[in-house]
């Protein structure tokens, strides 16, 4: 009987876990066009707050997903990035992360 209860709990836990949206790199390429405005300029420095804007092409897909979601919720602070991420759905984020993660190196974005 304990095995049965454990199996039921395990199945319920797996079903309750939200599925991570699978990203479409081609859709992400289209959706990420505004990203290049800052992240695609070599040696670009943001005006406020002042810092070097990182290249994001070739970045880990899970990292991009986590960061965009953190900007969207306000957990991570940056006015421009928050404004961009607030309009993104989970699918948008997954697509953009898939595109950026598919690039060979950080010079492509």
PDB file of N, CA and C in Angstrom:
ATOM      1  N   UNK A   1       0.806  -1.203   0.000  1.00  0.00           N
ATOM      2  CA  UNK A   1       0.000   0.000   0.000  1.00  0.00           C
ATOM      3  C   UNK A   1       0.857   1.277   0.000  1.00  0.00           C
ATOM      4  N   UNK A   2       1.969   1.354   0.778  1.00  0.00           N
ATOM      5  CA  UNK A   2       2.787   2.564   0.753  1.00  0.00           C
ATOM      6  C   UNK A   2       3.337   2.873  -0.643  1.00  0.00           C
ATOM      7  N   UNK A   3       3.682   1.834  -1.419  1.00  0.00           N
ATOM      8  CA  UNK A   3       4.179   2.069  -2.780  1.00  0.00           C
ATOM      9  C   UNK A   3       3.109   2.717  -3.647  1.00  0.00           C
ATOM     10  N   UNK A   4       1.881   2.267  -3.485  1.00  0.00           N
ATOM     11  CA  UNK A   4       0.769   2.823  -4.249  1.00  0.00           C
ATOM     12  C   UNK A   4       0.579   4.303  -3.909  1.00  0.00           C
ATOM     13  N   UNK A   5       0.608   4.624  -2.633  1.00  0.00           N
ATOM     14  CA  UNK A   5       0.442   6.020  -2.189  1.00  0.00           C
ATOM     15  C   UNK A   5       1.589   6.875  -2.723  1.00  0.00           C
ATOM     16  N   UNK A   6       2.805   6.348  -2.645  1.00  0.00           N
ATOM     17  CA  UNK A   6       3.952   7.077  -3.171  1.00  0.00           C
ATOM     18  C   UNK A   6       3.797   7.314  -4.668  1.00  0.00           C
ATOM     19  N   UNK A   7       3.352   6.300  -5.404  1.00  0.00           N
ATOM     20  CA  UNK A   7       3.164   6.429  -6.849  1.00  0.00           C
ATOM     21  C   UNK A   7       2.110   7.486  -7.176  1.00  0.00           C
ATOM     22  N   UNK A   8       1.015   7.494  -6.428  1.00  0.00           N
ATOM     23  CA  UNK A   8      -0.041   8.483  -6.651  1.00  0.00           C
ATOM     24  C   UNK A   8       0.479   9.897  -6.377  1.00  0.00           C
ATOM     25  N   UNK A   9       1.233  10.056  -5.296  1.00  0.00           N
ATOM     26  CA  UNK A   9       1.790  11.376  -4.955  1.00  0.00           C
ATOM     27  C   UNK A   9       2.785  11.815  -6.029  1.00  0.00           C
ATOM     28  N   UNK A  10       3.625  10.901  -6.484  1.00  0.00           N
ATOM     29  CA  UNK A  10       4.614  11.237  -7.511  1.00  0.00           C
ATOM     30  C   UNK A  10       3.942  11.658  -8.813  1.00  0.00           C
ATOM     31  N   UNK A  11       2.918  10.933  -9.216  1.00  0.00           N
ATOM     32  CA  UNK A  11       2.193  11.276 -10.448  1.00  0.00           C
ATOM     33  C   UNK A  11       1.507  12.630 -10.304  1.00  0.00           C
ATOM     34  N   UNK A  12       0.898  12.876  -9.169  1.00  0.00           N
ATOM     35  CA  UNK A  12       0.230  14.157  -8.933  1.00  0.00           C
ATOM     36  C   UNK A  12       1.231  15.301  -8.951  1.00  0.00           C
ATOM     37  N   UNK A  13       2.396  15.098  -8.375  1.00  0.00           N
ATOM     38  CA  UNK A  13       3.423  16.145  -8.362  1.00  0.00           C
ATOM     39  C   UNK A  13       3.914  16.457  -9.766  1.00  0.00           C
ATOM     40  N   UNK A  14       4.109  15.421 -10.572  1.00  0.00           N
ATOM     41  CA  UNK A  14       4.549  15.644 -11.952  1.00  0.00           C
ATOM     42  C   UNK A  14       3.498  16.381 -12.769  1.00  0.00           C
ATOM     43  N   UNK A  15       2.253  16.066 -12.541  1.00  0.00           N
ATOM     44  CA  UNK A  15       1.185  16.736 -13.283  1.00  0.00           C
ATOM     45  C   UNK A  15       1.007  18.172 -12.809  1.00  0.00           C
ATOM     46  N   UNK A  16       1.321  18.465 -11.570  1.00  0.00           N
ATOM     47  CA  UNK A  16       1.159  19.808 -11.028  1.00  0.00           C
ATOM     48  C   UNK A  16       2.304  20.724 -11.427  1.00  0.00           C
ATOM     49  N   UNK A  17       3.427  20.144 -11.845  1.00  0.00           N
ATOM     50  CA  UNK A  17       4.574  20.944 -12.243  1.00  0.00           C
ATOM     51  C   UNK A  17       4.280  21.597 -13.582  1.00  0.00           C
ATOM     52  N   UNK A  18       4.405  22.934 -13.673  1.00  0.00           N
ATOM     53  CA  UNK A  18       4.132  23.582 -14.950  1.00  0.00           C
ATOM     54  C   UNK A  18       5.160  23.186 -16.001  1.00  0.00           C
ATOM     55  N   UNK A  19       4.679  22.901 -17.171  1.00  0.00           N
ATOM     56  CA  UNK A  19       5.572  22.525 -18.263  1.00  0.00           C
ATOM     57  C   UNK A  19       6.275  23.768 -18.795  1.00  0.00           C
ATOM     58  N   UNK A  20       7.566  23.628 -19.036  1.00  0.00           N
ATOM     59  CA  UNK A  20       8.313  24.738 -19.602  1.00  0.00           C
ATOM     60  C   UNK A  20       7.978  24.801 -21.086  1.00  0.00           C
ATOM     61  N   UNK A  21       7.618  25.963 -21.544  1.00  0.00           N
ATOM     62  CA  UNK A  21       7.284  26.130 -22.948  1.00  0.00           C
ATOM     63  C   UNK A  21       8.512  25.819 -23.794  1.00  0.00           C
ATOM     64  N   UNK A  22       8.302  25.089 -24.880  1.00  0.00           N
ATOM     65  CA  UNK A  22       9.399  24.783 -25.780  1.00  0.00           C
ATOM     66  C   UNK A  22       9.539  25.939 -26.760  1.00  0.00           C
ATOM     67  N   UNK A  23      10.744  26.432 -26.897  1.00  0.00           N
ATOM     68  CA  UNK A  23      10.976  27.586 -27.744  1.00  0.00           C
ATOM     69  C   UNK A  23      11.171  27.245 -29.200  1.00  0.00           C
ATOM     70  N   UNK A  24      10.734  28.137 -30.058  1.00  0.00           N
ATOM     71  CA  UNK A  24      10.896  28.022 -31.503  1.00  0.00           C
ATOM     72  C   UNK A  24      11.935  29.065 -31.915  1.00  0.00           C
ATOM     73  N   UNK A  25      13.158  28.633 -32.254  1.00  0.00           N
ATOM     74  CA  UNK A  25      14.210  29.594 -32.584  1.00  0.00           C
ATOM     75  C   UNK A  25      13.854  30.553 -33.723  1.00  0.00           C
ATOM     76  N   UNK A  26      13.138  30.078 -34.735  1.00  0.00           N
ATOM     77  CA  UNK A  26      12.776  30.963 -35.857  1.00  0.00           C
ATOM     78  C   UNK A  26      11.805  32.041 -35.399  1.00  0.00           C
ATOM     79  N   UNK A  27      10.829  31.679 -34.587  1.00  0.00           N
ATOM     80  CA  UNK A  27       9.913  32.684 -34.032  1.00  0.00           C
ATOM     81  C   UNK A  27      10.685  33.633 -33.120  1.00  0.00           C
ATOM     82  N   UNK A  28      11.645  33.093 -32.375  1.00  0.00           N
ATOM     83  CA  UNK A  28      12.466  33.920 -31.494  1.00  0.00           C
ATOM     84  C   UNK A  28      13.316  34.921 -32.253  1.00  0.00           C
ATOM     85  N   UNK A  29      13.808  34.515 -33.431  1.00  0.00           N
ATOM     86  CA  UNK A  29      14.608  35.435 -34.264  1.00  0.00           C
ATOM     87  C   UNK A  29      13.781  36.668 -34.616  1.00  0.00           C
ATOM     88  N   UNK A  30      12.533  36.454 -34.936  1.00  0.00           N
ATOM     89  CA  UNK A  30      11.643  37.566 -35.295  1.00  0.00           C
ATOM     90  C   UNK A  30      11.303  38.401 -34.068  1.00  0.00           C
ATOM     91  N   UNK A  31      11.000  37.740 -32.965  1.00  0.00           N
ATOM     92  CA  UNK A  31      10.600  38.441 -31.745  1.00  0.00           C
ATOM     93  C   UNK A  31      11.750  39.196 -31.093  1.00  0.00           C
ATOM     94  N   UNK A  32      12.980  38.787 -31.340  1.00  0.00           N
ATOM     95  CA  UNK A  32      14.144  39.388 -30.680  1.00  0.00           C
ATOM     96  C   UNK A  32      14.708  40.590 -31.436  1.00  0.00           C
ATOM     97  N   UNK A  33      13.987  41.077 -32.432  1.00  0.00           N
ATOM     98  CA  UNK A  33      14.547  42.179 -33.225  1.00  0.00           C
ATOM     99  C   UNK A  33      14.823  43.413 -32.381  1.00  0.00           C
ATOM    100  N   UNK A  34      14.023  43.689 -31.373  1.00  0.00           N
ATOM    101  CA  UNK A  34      14.283  44.879 -30.542  1.00  0.00           C
ATOM    102  C   UNK A  34      15.483  44.680 -29.622  1.00  0.00           C
ATOM    103  N   UNK A  35      15.827  43.436 -29.328  1.00  0.00           N
ATOM    104  CA  UNK A  35      16.970  43.156 -28.453  1.00  0.00           C
ATOM    105  C   UNK A  35      18.268  43.681 -29.068  1.00  0.00           C
ATOM    106  N   UNK A  36      18.357  43.587 -30.398  1.00  0.00           N
ATOM    107  CA  UNK A  36      19.575  44.009 -31.086  1.00  0.00           C
ATOM    108  C   UNK A  36      19.843  45.504 -30.955  1.00  0.00           C
ATOM    109  N   UNK A  37      18.803  46.275 -30.656  1.00  0.00           N
ATOM    110  CA  UNK A  37      18.969  47.719 -30.507  1.00  0.00           C
ATOM    111  C   UNK A  37      19.966  48.098 -29.430  1.00  0.00           C
ATOM    112  N   UNK A  38      20.100  47.272 -28.423  1.00  0.00           N
ATOM    113  CA  UNK A  38      21.091  47.512 -27.359  1.00  0.00           C
ATOM    114  C   UNK A  38      22.130  46.394 -27.316  1.00  0.00           C
ATOM    115  N   UNK A  39      21.654  45.154 -27.337  1.00  0.00           N
ATOM    116  CA  UNK A  39      22.548  44.015 -27.155  1.00  0.00           C
ATOM    117  C   UNK A  39      23.348  43.679 -28.407  1.00  0.00           C
ATOM    118  N   UNK A  40      23.003  44.271 -29.545  1.00  0.00           N
ATOM    119  CA  UNK A  40      23.706  43.970 -30.784  1.00  0.00           C
ATOM    120  C   UNK A  40      24.730  45.010 -31.186  1.00  0.00           C
ATOM    121  N   UNK A  41      24.963  45.995 -30.331  1.00  0.00           N
ATOM    122  CA  UNK A  41      25.909  47.058 -30.658  1.00  0.00           C
ATOM    123  C   UNK A  41      27.223  46.792 -29.918  1.00  0.00           C
ATOM    124  N   UNK A  42      28.318  46.587 -30.649  1.00  0.00           N
ATOM    125  CA  UNK A  42      29.603  46.332 -29.987  1.00  0.00           C
ATOM    126  C   UNK A  42      29.989  47.477 -29.047  1.00  0.00           C
ATOM    127  N   UNK A  43      30.406  47.133 -27.854  1.00  0.00           N
ATOM    128  CA  UNK A  43      30.885  48.086 -26.835  1.00  0.00           C
ATOM    129  C   UNK A  43      29.850  49.127 -26.424  1.00  0.00           C
ATOM    130  N   UNK A  44      28.570  48.808 -26.579  1.00  0.00           N
ATOM    131  CA  UNK A  44      27.501  49.742 -26.211  1.00  0.00           C
ATOM    132  C   UNK A  44      27.418  49.902 -24.708  1.00  0.00           C
ATOM    133  N   UNK A  45      27.275  51.138 -24.249  1.00  0.00           N
ATOM    134  CA  UNK A  45      27.096  51.428 -22.835  1.00  0.00           C
ATOM    135  C   UNK A  45      25.737  52.082 -22.657  1.00  0.00           C
ATOM    136  N   UNK A  46      24.978  51.559 -21.720  1.00  0.00           N
ATOM    137  CA  UNK A  46      23.664  52.094 -21.400  1.00  0.00           C
ATOM    138  C   UNK A  46      23.842  53.432 -20.679  1.00  0.00           C
ATOM    139  N   UNK A  47      22.908  54.366 -20.899  1.00  0.00           N
ATOM    140  CA  UNK A  47      23.026  55.677 -20.279  1.00  0.00           C
ATOM    141  C   UNK A  47      22.648  55.638 -18.804  1.00  0.00           C
ATOM    142  N   UNK A  48      21.523  55.042 -18.465  1.00  0.00           N
ATOM    143  CA  UNK A  48      21.133  54.976 -17.061  1.00  0.00           C
ATOM    144  C   UNK A  48      20.482  53.641 -16.765  1.00  0.00           C
ATOM    145  N   UNK A  49      20.946  52.908 -15.832  1.00  0.00           N
ATOM    146  CA  UNK A  49      22.237  53.090 -15.154  1.00  0.00           C
ATOM    147  C   UNK A  49      23.366  52.781 -16.124  1.00  0.00           C
ATOM    148  N   UNK A  50      24.485  53.431 -15.968  1.00  0.00           N
ATOM    149  CA  UNK A  50      25.588  53.289 -16.910  1.00  0.00           C
ATOM    150  C   UNK A  50      26.327  51.980 -16.672  1.00  0.00           C
ATOM    151  N   UNK A  51      26.360  51.149 -17.676  1.00  0.00           N
ATOM    152  CA  UNK A  51      27.132  49.915 -17.649  1.00  0.00           C
ATOM    153  C   UNK A  51      27.247  49.409 -19.077  1.00  0.00           C
ATOM    154  N   UNK A  52      28.174  48.506 -19.300  1.00  0.00           N
ATOM    155  CA  UNK A  52      28.332  47.904 -20.619  1.00  0.00           C
ATOM    156  C   UNK A  52      27.200  46.904 -20.832  1.00  0.00           C
ATOM    157  N   UNK A  53      26.502  47.029 -21.936  1.00  0.00           N
ATOM    158  CA  UNK A  53      25.393  46.136 -22.258  1.00  0.00           C
ATOM    159  C   UNK A  53      25.984  44.812 -22.739  1.00  0.00           C
ATOM    160  N   UNK A  54      25.584  43.705 -22.121  1.00  0.00           N
ATOM    161  CA  UNK A  54      26.186  42.419 -22.497  1.00  0.00           C
ATOM    162  C   UNK A  54      25.676  41.894 -23.839  1.00  0.00           C
ATOM    163  N   UNK A  55      26.547  41.189 -24.525  1.00  0.00           N
ATOM    164  CA  UNK A  55      26.137  40.429 -25.696  1.00  0.00           C
ATOM    165  C   UNK A  55      25.381  39.213 -25.179  1.00  0.00           C
ATOM    166  N   UNK A  56      24.296  38.847 -25.826  1.00  0.00           N
ATOM    167  CA  UNK A  56      23.484  37.743 -25.321  1.00  0.00           C
ATOM    168  C   UNK A  56      23.363  36.583 -26.296  1.00  0.00           C
ATOM    169  N   UNK A  57      23.881  36.731 -27.497  1.00  0.00           N
ATOM    170  CA  UNK A  57      23.868  35.633 -28.447  1.00  0.00           C
ATOM    171  C   UNK A  57      24.750  34.501 -27.953  1.00  0.00           C
ATOM    172  N   UNK A  58      24.245  33.284 -27.993  1.00  0.00           N
ATOM    173  CA  UNK A  58      24.995  32.137 -27.524  1.00  0.00           C
ATOM    174  C   UNK A  58      24.865  31.899 -26.025  1.00  0.00           C
ATOM    175  N   UNK A  59      24.114  32.776 -25.362  1.00  0.00           N
ATOM    176  CA  UNK A  59      23.908  32.624 -23.917  1.00  0.00           C
ATOM    177  C   UNK A  59      23.046  31.393 -23.650  1.00  0.00           C
ATOM    178  N   UNK A  60      23.179  30.819 -22.481  1.00  0.00           N
ATOM    179  CA  UNK A  60      22.412  29.644 -22.086  1.00  0.00           C
ATOM    180  C   UNK A  60      20.921  29.938 -22.122  1.00  0.00           C
ATOM    181  N   UNK A  61      20.162  29.064 -22.768  1.00  0.00           N
ATOM    182  CA  UNK A  61      18.718  29.246 -22.951  1.00  0.00           C
ATOM    183  C   UNK A  61      17.976  29.344 -21.622  1.00  0.00           C
ATOM    184  N   UNK A  62      18.323  28.499 -20.670  1.00  0.00           N
ATOM    185  CA  UNK A  62      17.658  28.522 -19.357  1.00  0.00           C
ATOM    186  C   UNK A  62      17.951  29.827 -18.628  1.00  0.00           C
ATOM    187  N   UNK A  63      19.154  30.343 -18.784  1.00  0.00           N
ATOM    188  CA  UNK A  63      19.520  31.613 -18.151  1.00  0.00           C
ATOM    189  C   UNK A  63      18.695  32.757 -18.738  1.00  0.00           C
ATOM    190  N   UNK A  64      18.615  32.835 -20.057  1.00  0.00           N
ATOM    191  CA  UNK A  64      17.829  33.890 -20.713  1.00  0.00           C
ATOM    192  C   UNK A  64      16.379  33.813 -20.248  1.00  0.00           C
ATOM    193  N   UNK A  65      15.825  32.615 -20.188  1.00  0.00           N
ATOM    194  CA  UNK A  65      14.445  32.435 -19.732  1.00  0.00           C
ATOM    195  C   UNK A  65      14.270  32.959 -18.315  1.00  0.00           C
ATOM    196  N   UNK A  66      15.161  32.567 -17.422  1.00  0.00           N
ATOM    197  CA  UNK A  66      15.061  32.983 -16.016  1.00  0.00           C
ATOM    198  C   UNK A  66      15.197  34.498 -15.870  1.00  0.00           C
ATOM    199  N   UNK A  67      16.124  35.085 -16.600  1.00  0.00           N
ATOM    200  CA  UNK A  67      16.358  36.528 -16.493  1.00  0.00           C
ATOM    201  C   UNK A  67      15.159  37.312 -17.023  1.00  0.00           C
ATOM    202  N   UNK A  68      14.633  36.921 -18.175  1.00  0.00           N
ATOM    203  CA  UNK A  68      13.486  37.640 -18.735  1.00  0.00           C
ATOM    204  C   UNK A  68      12.262  37.531 -17.818  1.00  0.00           C
ATOM    205  N   UNK A  69      12.064  36.367 -17.228  1.00  0.00           N
ATOM    206  CA  UNK A  69      10.940  36.213 -16.297  1.00  0.00           C
ATOM    207  C   UNK A  69      11.156  37.051 -15.043  1.00  0.00           C
ATOM    208  N   UNK A  70      12.390  37.153 -14.586  1.00  0.00           N
ATOM    209  CA  UNK A  70      12.686  37.978 -13.412  1.00  0.00           C
ATOM    210  C   UNK A  70      12.462  39.463 -13.717  1.00  0.00           C
ATOM    211  N   UNK A  71      12.812  39.905 -14.915  1.00  0.00           N
ATOM    212  CA  UNK A  71      12.512  41.290 -15.311  1.00  0.00           C
ATOM    213  C   UNK A  71      11.003  41.500 -15.395  1.00  0.00           C
ATOM    214  N   UNK A  72      10.305  40.521 -15.946  1.00  0.00           N
ATOM    215  CA  UNK A  72       8.858  40.630 -16.119  1.00  0.00           C
ATOM    216  C   UNK A  72       8.141  40.776 -14.778  1.00  0.00           C
ATOM    217  N   UNK A  73       8.590  40.063 -13.766  1.00  0.00           N
ATOM    218  CA  UNK A  73       7.942  40.138 -12.451  1.00  0.00           C
ATOM    219  C   UNK A  73       8.446  41.305 -11.616  1.00  0.00           C
ATOM    220  N   UNK A  74       9.530  41.939 -12.050  1.00  0.00           N
ATOM    221  CA  UNK A  74      10.108  43.029 -11.275  1.00  0.00           C
ATOM    222  C   UNK A  74      11.130  42.560 -10.263  1.00  0.00           C
ATOM    223  N   UNK A  75      11.361  41.251 -10.208  1.00  0.00           N
ATOM    224  CA  UNK A  75      12.362  40.701  -9.285  1.00  0.00           C
ATOM    225  C   UNK A  75      13.755  41.222  -9.645  1.00  0.00           C
ATOM    226  N   UNK A  76      13.996  41.385 -10.929  1.00  0.00           N
ATOM    227  CA  UNK A  76      15.254  41.953 -11.412  1.00  0.00           C
ATOM    228  C   UNK A  76      14.939  43.347 -11.929  1.00  0.00           C
ATOM    229  N   UNK A  77      15.717  44.328 -11.519  1.00  0.00           N
ATOM    230  CA  UNK A  77      15.401  45.730 -11.792  1.00  0.00           C
ATOM    231  C   UNK A  77      16.230  46.307 -12.946  1.00  0.00           C
ATOM    232  N   UNK A  78      15.558  46.839 -13.898  1.00  0.00           N
ATOM    233  CA  UNK A  78      16.118  47.682 -14.958  1.00  0.00           C
ATOM    234  C   UNK A  78      14.924  48.190 -15.751  1.00  0.00           C
ATOM    235  N   UNK A  79      14.667  49.497 -15.731  1.00  0.00           N
ATOM    236  CA  UNK A  79      13.440  50.026 -16.341  1.00  0.00           C
ATOM    237  C   UNK A  79      13.214  49.598 -17.796  1.00  0.00           C
ATOM    238  N   UNK A  80      14.237  49.650 -18.618  1.00  0.00           N
ATOM    239  CA  UNK A  80      14.068  49.298 -20.021  1.00  0.00           C
ATOM    240  C   UNK A  80      13.777  47.809 -20.177  1.00  0.00           C
ATOM    241  N   UNK A  81      14.533  46.987 -19.469  1.00  0.00           N
ATOM    242  CA  UNK A  81      14.325  45.542 -19.579  1.00  0.00           C
ATOM    243  C   UNK A  81      12.980  45.137 -18.976  1.00  0.00           C
ATOM    244  N   UNK A  82      12.575  45.777 -17.909  1.00  0.00           N
ATOM    245  CA  UNK A  82      11.266  45.469 -17.331  1.00  0.00           C
ATOM    246  C   UNK A  82      10.154  45.817 -18.320  1.00  0.00           C
ATOM    247  N   UNK A  83      10.268  46.968 -18.971  1.00  0.00           N
ATOM    248  CA  UNK A  83       9.251  47.373 -19.944  1.00  0.00           C
ATOM    249  C   UNK A  83       9.189  46.387 -21.110  1.00  0.00           C
ATOM    250  N   UNK A  84      10.343  45.917 -21.554  1.00  0.00           N
ATOM    251  CA  UNK A  84      10.364  44.938 -22.652  1.00  0.00           C
ATOM    252  C   UNK A  84       9.739  43.616 -22.209  1.00  0.00           C
ATOM    253  N   UNK A  85      10.149  43.121 -21.053  1.00  0.00           N
ATOM    254  CA  UNK A  85       9.717  41.801 -20.600  1.00  0.00           C
ATOM    255  C   UNK A  85       8.257  41.762 -20.166  1.00  0.00           C
ATOM    256  N   UNK A  86       7.730  42.876 -19.685  1.00  0.00           N
ATOM    257  CA  UNK A  86       6.332  42.900 -19.226  1.00  0.00           C
ATOM    258  C   UNK A  86       5.354  42.522 -20.326  1.00  0.00           C
ATOM    259  N   UNK A  87       5.713  42.809 -21.564  1.00  0.00           N
ATOM    260  CA  UNK A  87       4.800  42.512 -22.670  1.00  0.00           C
ATOM    261  C   UNK A  87       4.982  41.097 -23.220  1.00  0.00           C
ATOM    262  N   UNK A  88       5.948  40.351 -22.702  1.00  0.00           N
ATOM    263  CA  UNK A  88       6.249  39.020 -23.232  1.00  0.00           C
ATOM    264  C   UNK A  88       5.434  37.936 -22.539  1.00  0.00           C
ATOM    265  N   UNK A  89       4.960  36.990 -23.334  1.00  0.00           N
ATOM    266  CA  UNK A  89       4.316  35.794 -22.797  1.00  0.00           C
ATOM    267  C   UNK A  89       5.409  34.770 -22.488  1.00  0.00           C
ATOM    268  N   UNK A  90       5.037  33.697 -21.805  1.00  0.00           N
ATOM    269  CA  UNK A  90       5.999  32.616 -21.572  1.00  0.00           C
ATOM    270  C   UNK A  90       6.503  32.060 -22.903  1.00  0.00           C
ATOM    271  N   UNK A  91       5.613  31.980 -23.905  1.00  0.00           N
ATOM    272  CA  UNK A  91       6.029  31.466 -25.213  1.00  0.00           C
ATOM    273  C   UNK A  91       7.002  32.422 -25.884  1.00  0.00           C
ATOM    274  N   UNK A  92       6.756  33.736 -25.791  1.00  0.00           N
ATOM    275  CA  UNK A  92       7.690  34.714 -26.351  1.00  0.00           C
ATOM    276  C   UNK A  92       9.077  34.529 -25.744  1.00  0.00           C
ATOM    277  N   UNK A  93       9.110  34.409 -24.422  1.00  0.00           N
ATOM    278  CA  UNK A  93      10.386  34.245 -23.722  1.00  0.00           C
ATOM    279  C   UNK A  93      11.079  32.961 -24.156  1.00  0.00           C
ATOM    280  N   UNK A  94      10.336  31.876 -24.251  1.00  0.00           N
ATOM    281  CA  UNK A  94      10.910  30.594 -24.678  1.00  0.00           C
ATOM    282  C   UNK A  94      11.463  30.697 -26.101  1.00  0.00           C
ATOM    283  N   UNK A  95      10.734  31.367 -26.989  1.00  0.00           N
ATOM    284  CA  UNK A  95      11.183  31.526 -28.376  1.00  0.00           C
ATOM    285  C   UNK A  95      12.462  32.363 -28.449  1.00  0.00           C
ATOM    286  N   UNK A  96      12.478  33.482 -27.745  1.00  0.00           N
ATOM    287  CA  UNK A  96      13.658  34.360 -27.753  1.00  0.00           C
ATOM    288  C   UNK A  96      14.859  33.633 -27.160  1.00  0.00           C
ATOM    289  N   UNK A  97      14.646  32.929 -26.059  1.00  0.00           N
ATOM    290  CA  UNK A  97      15.738  32.178 -25.432  1.00  0.00           C
ATOM    291  C   UNK A  97      16.256  31.091 -26.365  1.00  0.00           C
ATOM    292  N   UNK A  98      15.357  30.434 -27.096  1.00  0.00           N
ATOM    293  CA  UNK A  98      15.769  29.394 -28.044  1.00  0.00           C
ATOM    294  C   UNK A  98      16.608  29.996 -29.169  1.00  0.00           C
ATOM    295  N   UNK A  99      16.204  31.153 -29.666  1.00  0.00           N
ATOM    296  CA  UNK A  99      16.969  31.817 -30.737  1.00  0.00           C
ATOM    297  C   UNK A  99      18.347  32.234 -30.240  1.00  0.00           C
ATOM    298  N   UNK A 100      18.374  32.942 -29.116  1.00  0.00           N
ATOM    299  CA  UNK A 100      19.657  33.424 -28.602  1.00  0.00           C
ATOM    300  C   UNK A 100      20.573  32.263 -28.235  1.00  0.00           C
ATOM    301  N   UNK A 101      20.006  31.218 -27.660  1.00  0.00           N
ATOM    302  CA  UNK A 101      20.797  30.053 -27.294  1.00  0.00           C
ATOM    303  C   UNK A 101      21.330  29.287 -28.493  1.00  0.00           C
ATOM    304  N   UNK A 102      20.689  29.446 -29.644  1.00  0.00           N
ATOM    305  CA  UNK A 102      21.125  28.734 -30.842  1.00  0.00           C
ATOM    306  C   UNK A 102      22.283  29.426 -31.562  1.00  0.00           C
ATOM    307  N   UNK A 103      22.551  30.663 -31.205  1.00  0.00           N
ATOM    308  CA  UNK A 103      23.634  31.394 -31.870  1.00  0.00           C
ATOM    309  C   UNK A 103      24.974  30.863 -31.414  1.00  0.00           C
ATOM    310  N   UNK A 104      25.951  30.937 -32.299  1.00  0.00           N
ATOM    311  CA  UNK A 104      27.272  30.366 -32.017  1.00  0.00           C
ATOM    312  C   UNK A 104      28.061  31.115 -30.955  1.00  0.00           C
ATOM    313  N   UNK A 105      28.006  32.424 -30.985  1.00  0.00           N
ATOM    314  CA  UNK A 105      28.778  33.170 -29.993  1.00  0.00           C
ATOM    315  C   UNK A 105      28.090  34.475 -29.656  1.00  0.00           C
ATOM    316  N   UNK A 106      28.643  35.174 -28.732  1.00  0.00           N
ATOM    317  CA  UNK A 106      28.025  36.394 -28.224  1.00  0.00           C
ATOM    318  C   UNK A 106      28.144  37.570 -29.192  1.00  0.00           C
ATOM    319  N   UNK A 107      28.797  37.398 -30.333  1.00  0.00           N
ATOM    320  CA  UNK A 107      28.906  38.484 -31.307  1.00  0.00           C
ATOM    321  C   UNK A 107      27.734  38.548 -32.256  1.00  0.00           C
ATOM    322  N   UNK A 108      26.817  37.559 -32.200  1.00  0.00           N
ATOM    323  CA  UNK A 108      25.709  37.505 -33.148  1.00  0.00           C
ATOM    324  C   UNK A 108      24.456  38.214 -32.675  1.00  0.00           C
ATOM    325  N   UNK A 109      24.452  38.800 -31.496  1.00  0.00           N
ATOM    326  CA  UNK A 109      23.234  39.468 -31.028  1.00  0.00           C
ATOM    327  C   UNK A 109      23.534  40.849 -30.524  1.00  0.00           C
TER     328      UNK A 109
END
